[in-house]
């Protein structure tokens, strides 16, 4: 199925489920955004400089990011359950957004594994250029180089660019892991990732083309947010337009986009079903 056919199929499944899925997506977006309003953890350090005690207060948002990280995998898994359920002709239920908590450890292990693997691939991509610049001492004076050094830097740049493309290819291969876990909850987190890599073999460009086909919808969502922001600023003042509660409204256009995009991704996953059924038993534990 090409992107147009996948999106057309997704709209069929969404016909009678738009509003409940919109509420679910809006809930996840709003809940995630609320963590940015949690007061950061504050700690103090005392420094003795020339006999004077200087008190330095620092704020840390690390705890907020940890909560977001832990919830990300859980909600990704929950959404996999929900959007695959609509394809089976079943009605989604709002409280199913919490279904991922049943597999909290596995969902987060998938997130951790994917994060670590992605970080390693991205570090590999940056390595040629970073090492070349470090070895030539050109981080701070990159323009004062000899011709040979310039050539080496250009080669390193294109090497990093090539490796970045490879890293993106590798990272995208992990995207089906949560869907696989949703249908095979007895499978280990690592095997879900392995299975995802296997399923994405030969399907990379199909997923890339599907994702890029939503750029227009993304730009439309951004335009709506800009119009809302300008309207609120014009009629109610800047303080109202930038209010934390009002800023939640700006997320709603993206909730509709997420519903459409997520359902399309679920349809894409089902197109891989023949491959899934043929070898899923080999990876189950």
Protein backbone atom coordinates (compact mmCIF):
# COMPACT_ATOMS: atom_id res chain seq x y z
CA UNK A 1 0.00 0.00 0.00
CA UNK A 2 1.27 3.47 -0.87
CA UNK A 3 0.90 6.47 1.51
CA UNK A 4 -2.35 7.63 -0.08
CA UNK A 5 -3.94 4.21 0.29
CA UNK A 6 -2.74 3.91 3.90
CA UNK A 7 -4.15 7.34 4.79
CA UNK A 8 -7.41 6.57 3.03
CA UNK A 9 -7.71 3.35 5.02
CA UNK A 10 -6.89 5.21 8.23
CA UNK A 11 -9.72 7.68 7.60
CA UNK A 12 -12.14 4.78 7.19
CA UNK A 13 -11.21 3.44 10.63
CA UNK A 14 -11.48 6.93 12.13
CA UNK A 15 -14.98 7.74 10.83
CA UNK A 16 -16.83 6.78 14.00
CA UNK A 17 -13.88 7.14 16.40
CA UNK A 18 -12.55 10.65 15.79
CA UNK A 19 -13.74 12.28 19.00
CA UNK A 20 -12.78 9.59 21.48
CA UNK A 21 -9.35 9.29 19.87
CA UNK A 22 -9.04 13.09 19.86
CA UNK A 23 -9.79 13.17 23.60
CA UNK A 24 -7.21 10.46 24.23
CA UNK A 25 -4.52 12.25 22.21
CA UNK A 26 -5.38 15.63 23.77
CA UNK A 27 -5.15 14.09 27.24
CA UNK A 28 -1.67 12.72 26.54
CA UNK A 29 -0.49 16.03 25.07
CA UNK A 30 -1.87 18.09 27.95
CA UNK A 31 -0.52 15.70 30.58
CA UNK A 32 2.91 15.81 28.98
CA UNK A 33 2.87 19.62 28.78
CA UNK A 34 1.95 19.92 32.46
CA UNK A 35 5.35 18.58 33.45
CA UNK A 36 6.94 21.75 32.05
CA UNK A 37 4.95 23.76 34.62
CA UNK A 38 6.10 21.67 37.59
CA UNK A 39 8.48 23.84 39.67
CA UNK A 40 12.05 22.61 39.14
CA UNK A 41 13.98 21.02 41.98
CA UNK A 42 16.05 23.70 43.69
CA UNK A 43 19.35 23.02 45.39
CA UNK A 44 22.07 25.23 46.82
CA UNK A 45 25.85 25.11 46.77
CA UNK A 46 28.15 27.10 49.03
CA UNK A 47 31.53 28.21 47.66
CA UNK A 48 34.39 29.63 49.71
CA UNK A 49 36.15 32.27 47.62
CA UNK A 50 38.91 34.31 49.32
CA UNK A 51 37.34 33.68 52.70
CA UNK A 52 33.86 34.73 51.56
CA UNK A 53 31.00 32.23 51.47
CA UNK A 54 29.00 32.54 48.27
CA UNK A 55 25.66 30.81 48.08
CA UNK A 56 24.60 29.66 44.61
CA UNK A 57 21.05 28.48 43.98
CA UNK A 58 20.42 26.22 41.00
CA UNK A 59 17.27 24.81 39.46
CA UNK A 60 17.09 21.35 37.93
CA UNK A 61 14.42 20.06 35.54
CA UNK A 62 16.03 16.62 35.47
CA UNK A 63 13.22 15.08 37.53
CA UNK A 64 10.59 16.42 35.11
CA UNK A 65 12.42 14.88 32.17
CA UNK A 66 12.67 11.53 33.95
CA UNK A 67 8.88 11.45 34.42
CA UNK A 68 8.32 12.35 30.76
CA UNK A 69 10.76 9.65 29.72
CA UNK A 70 9.01 7.00 31.83
CA UNK A 71 5.58 7.98 30.55
CA UNK A 72 6.64 8.13 26.90
CA UNK A 73 7.02 4.38 26.45
CA UNK A 74 3.86 3.61 28.40
CA UNK A 75 1.69 5.95 26.33
CA UNK A 76 3.31 4.79 23.09
CA UNK A 77 2.32 1.25 23.98
CA UNK A 78 -1.18 2.34 25.03
CA UNK A 79 -1.69 4.12 21.73
CA UNK A 80 -0.52 1.02 19.87
CA UNK A 81 -3.22 -0.97 21.69
CA UNK A 82 -5.88 1.64 20.94
CA UNK A 83 -5.19 2.31 17.26
CA UNK A 84 -4.80 -1.37 16.43
CA UNK A 85 -8.12 -1.97 18.20
CA UNK A 86 -9.95 0.37 15.80
CA UNK A 87 -8.56 -1.61 12.86
CA UNK A 88 -10.12 -4.74 14.35
CA UNK A 89 -13.49 -2.97 14.30
CA UNK A 90 -13.62 -2.49 18.08
CA UNK A 91 -14.56 0.76 19.81
CA UNK A 92 -11.71 2.42 21.73
CA UNK A 93 -12.34 3.27 25.39
CA UNK A 94 -10.79 6.30 27.08
CA UNK A 95 -9.34 4.42 30.06
CA UNK A 96 -7.36 2.22 27.67
CA UNK A 97 -4.83 5.04 27.54
CA UNK A 98 -3.58 3.57 30.84
CA UNK A 99 -3.32 0.02 29.49
CA UNK A 100 0.39 0.47 28.84
CA UNK A 101 1.03 0.63 32.58
CA UNK A 102 0.27 -3.09 32.70
CA UNK A 103 3.54 -3.59 30.83
CA UNK A 104 5.37 -0.67 32.43
CA UNK A 105 8.77 -2.37 32.65
CA UNK A 106 8.81 -3.78 29.12
CA UNK A 107 7.56 -0.50 27.61
CA UNK A 108 10.30 1.44 29.37
CA UNK A 109 12.95 -1.12 28.51
CA UNK A 110 12.06 -0.64 24.85
CA UNK A 111 12.35 3.13 25.30
CA UNK A 112 15.71 2.78 27.06
CA UNK A 113 17.11 0.37 24.46
CA UNK A 114 15.96 2.55 21.55
CA UNK A 115 17.37 5.69 23.22
CA UNK A 116 20.75 4.06 23.83
CA UNK A 117 20.95 2.57 20.34
CA UNK A 118 19.92 5.89 18.78
CA UNK A 119 22.51 7.78 20.84
CA UNK A 120 25.25 5.36 19.75
CA UNK A 121 24.35 5.71 16.07
CA UNK A 122 24.26 9.52 16.34
CA UNK A 123 27.62 9.56 18.15
CA UNK A 124 29.05 7.42 15.38
CA UNK A 125 27.71 9.91 12.83
CA UNK A 126 29.34 12.83 14.62
CA UNK A 127 32.65 11.04 15.21
CA UNK A 128 34.49 11.70 11.90
CA UNK A 129 33.91 15.46 11.91
CA UNK A 130 34.42 15.85 15.67
CA UNK A 131 37.63 13.83 15.73
CA UNK A 132 39.03 15.63 12.69
CA UNK A 133 38.37 19.04 14.21
CA UNK A 134 39.80 17.98 17.57
CA UNK A 135 42.95 16.55 16.04
CA UNK A 136 43.55 19.68 13.96
CA UNK A 137 42.71 22.05 16.79
CA UNK A 138 40.15 23.92 14.75
CA UNK A 139 37.18 24.06 17.09
CA UNK A 140 37.89 27.68 17.88
CA UNK A 141 39.72 28.69 14.73
CA UNK A 142 38.10 26.64 11.98
CA UNK A 143 38.84 29.12 9.17
CA UNK A 144 42.62 29.28 9.58
CA UNK A 145 43.43 25.93 8.00
CA UNK A 146 45.80 24.73 5.34
CA UNK A 147 44.50 23.33 2.06
CA UNK A 148 45.18 19.76 3.24
CA UNK A 149 43.32 20.35 6.48
CA UNK A 150 40.40 21.88 4.58
CA UNK A 151 40.16 18.83 2.34
CA UNK A 152 40.27 16.53 5.36
CA UNK A 153 37.51 18.56 7.02
CA UNK A 154 35.33 18.37 3.89
CA UNK A 155 35.85 14.60 3.70
CA UNK A 156 35.03 14.27 7.41
CA UNK A 157 31.91 16.40 6.94
CA UNK A 158 30.58 14.20 4.14
CA UNK A 159 31.53 11.08 6.11
CA UNK A 160 29.48 12.37 9.05
CA UNK A 161 26.65 13.27 6.69
CA UNK A 162 26.66 9.74 5.27
CA UNK A 163 26.76 8.22 8.75
CA UNK A 164 23.90 10.51 9.84
CA UNK A 165 21.77 9.09 7.03
CA UNK A 166 22.76 5.60 8.15
CA UNK A 167 21.87 6.49 11.76
CA UNK A 168 18.42 7.73 10.71
CA UNK A 169 17.90 4.52 8.74
CA UNK A 170 18.87 2.41 11.76
CA UNK A 171 16.71 4.41 14.19
CA UNK A 172 13.60 4.22 11.99
CA UNK A 173 13.93 0.43 11.97
CA UNK A 174 13.02 0.40 15.69
CA UNK A 175 9.67 2.16 15.23
CA UNK A 176 7.46 -0.95 15.19
CA UNK A 177 8.62 -2.20 18.60
CA UNK A 178 5.62 -0.92 20.59
CA UNK A 179 3.12 -2.38 18.11
CA UNK A 180 4.86 -5.74 18.32
CA UNK A 181 4.76 -5.68 22.12
CA UNK A 182 1.05 -4.75 22.08
CA UNK A 183 0.25 -7.91 20.11
CA UNK A 184 2.92 -10.10 21.72
CA UNK A 185 3.04 -9.07 25.40
CA UNK A 186 4.95 -12.24 26.31
CA UNK A 187 7.84 -11.18 24.03
CA UNK A 188 10.86 -9.57 25.66
CA UNK A 189 11.62 -5.90 25.04
CA UNK A 190 14.85 -6.66 23.20
CA UNK A 191 13.17 -9.22 20.96
CA UNK A 192 10.46 -6.66 20.09
CA UNK A 193 13.21 -4.38 18.83
CA UNK A 194 14.86 -7.23 16.91
CA UNK A 195 11.54 -8.12 15.33
CA UNK A 196 10.95 -4.47 14.41
CA UNK A 197 14.32 -4.35 12.64
CA UNK A 198 13.37 -7.49 10.72
CA UNK A 199 9.96 -6.14 9.73
CA UNK A 200 11.36 -2.83 8.50
CA UNK A 201 13.74 -4.54 6.11
CA UNK A 202 12.66 -3.32 2.69
CA UNK A 203 9.99 -1.02 4.18
CA UNK A 204 12.13 1.93 5.23
CA UNK A 205 11.20 4.23 2.33
CA UNK A 206 7.53 3.31 2.63
CA UNK A 207 7.48 4.64 6.18
CA UNK A 208 9.56 7.70 5.29
CA UNK A 209 7.20 8.59 2.44
CA UNK A 210 4.19 8.11 4.70
CA UNK A 211 5.70 10.37 7.37
CA UNK A 212 6.68 13.09 4.88
CA UNK A 213 3.13 13.09 3.48
CA UNK A 214 1.98 14.65 6.77
CA UNK A 215 4.18 17.74 6.46
CA UNK A 216 1.27 19.71 4.98
CA UNK A 217 -0.94 18.78 7.95
CA UNK A 218 1.84 19.77 10.34
CA UNK A 219 2.20 23.18 8.68
CA UNK A 220 -1.57 23.64 8.81
CA UNK A 221 -1.56 22.86 12.54
CA UNK A 222 1.23 25.38 13.09
CA UNK A 223 -0.70 27.99 11.09
CA UNK A 224 -3.81 27.44 13.24
CA UNK A 225 -1.72 27.86 16.40
CA UNK A 226 -0.22 31.11 15.05
CA UNK A 227 -3.68 32.45 14.15
CA UNK A 228 -5.00 31.56 17.61
CA UNK A 229 -2.01 33.19 19.29
CA UNK A 230 -2.38 36.41 17.26
CA UNK A 231 -6.16 36.48 17.86
CA UNK A 232 -5.79 36.00 21.63
CA UNK A 233 -3.06 38.63 21.76
CA UNK A 234 -5.17 41.11 19.76
CA UNK A 235 -8.46 40.67 21.63
CA UNK A 236 -7.32 39.75 25.15
CA UNK A 237 -3.76 41.02 25.45
CA UNK A 238 -0.34 39.37 25.50
CA UNK A 239 -0.60 38.26 29.13
CA UNK A 240 -3.71 36.23 28.27
CA UNK A 241 -2.21 34.81 25.06
CA UNK A 242 0.87 33.55 26.93
CA UNK A 243 -1.07 32.24 29.92
CA UNK A 244 -0.19 28.65 30.87
CA UNK A 245 -3.81 27.49 30.74
CA UNK A 246 -4.46 29.16 27.38
CA UNK A 247 -1.29 27.60 25.96
CA UNK A 248 -2.97 24.22 26.36
CA UNK A 249 -5.46 25.30 23.67
CA UNK A 250 -2.54 25.59 21.25
CA UNK A 251 -2.00 21.83 21.58
CA UNK A 252 -5.46 20.88 20.33
CA UNK A 253 -4.76 21.21 16.57
CA UNK A 254 -1.83 18.85 17.07
CA UNK A 255 -4.12 16.36 18.82
CA UNK A 256 -6.13 15.97 15.60
CA UNK A 257 -2.91 15.57 13.63
CA UNK A 258 -1.63 12.93 16.07
CA UNK A 259 -4.87 10.94 15.72
CA UNK A 260 -4.63 10.89 11.93
CA UNK A 261 -0.90 10.17 11.93
CA UNK A 262 -1.09 7.47 14.61
CA UNK A 263 -3.93 5.67 12.87
CA UNK A 264 -1.97 5.76 9.61
CA UNK A 265 1.07 4.30 11.37
CA UNK A 266 -1.10 1.52 12.78
CA UNK A 267 -2.40 0.75 9.29
CA UNK A 268 1.20 0.71 8.03
CA UNK A 269 2.07 -1.81 10.74
CA UNK A 270 -0.77 -4.09 9.68
CA UNK A 271 0.63 -4.16 6.14
CA UNK A 272 3.61 -5.93 7.68
CA UNK A 273 1.36 -8.59 9.22
CA UNK A 274 2.31 -11.43 6.82
CA UNK A 275 5.93 -11.07 7.93
CA UNK A 276 4.85 -10.80 11.55
CA UNK A 277 2.83 -13.98 11.53
CA UNK A 278 5.51 -15.97 9.74
CA UNK A 279 8.24 -15.54 12.35
CA UNK A 280 6.81 -14.06 15.58
CA UNK A 281 6.91 -17.45 17.31
CA UNK A 282 10.69 -17.63 16.86
CA UNK A 283 11.23 -14.59 19.05
CA UNK A 284 8.68 -15.20 21.79
CA UNK A 285 9.88 -15.97 25.26
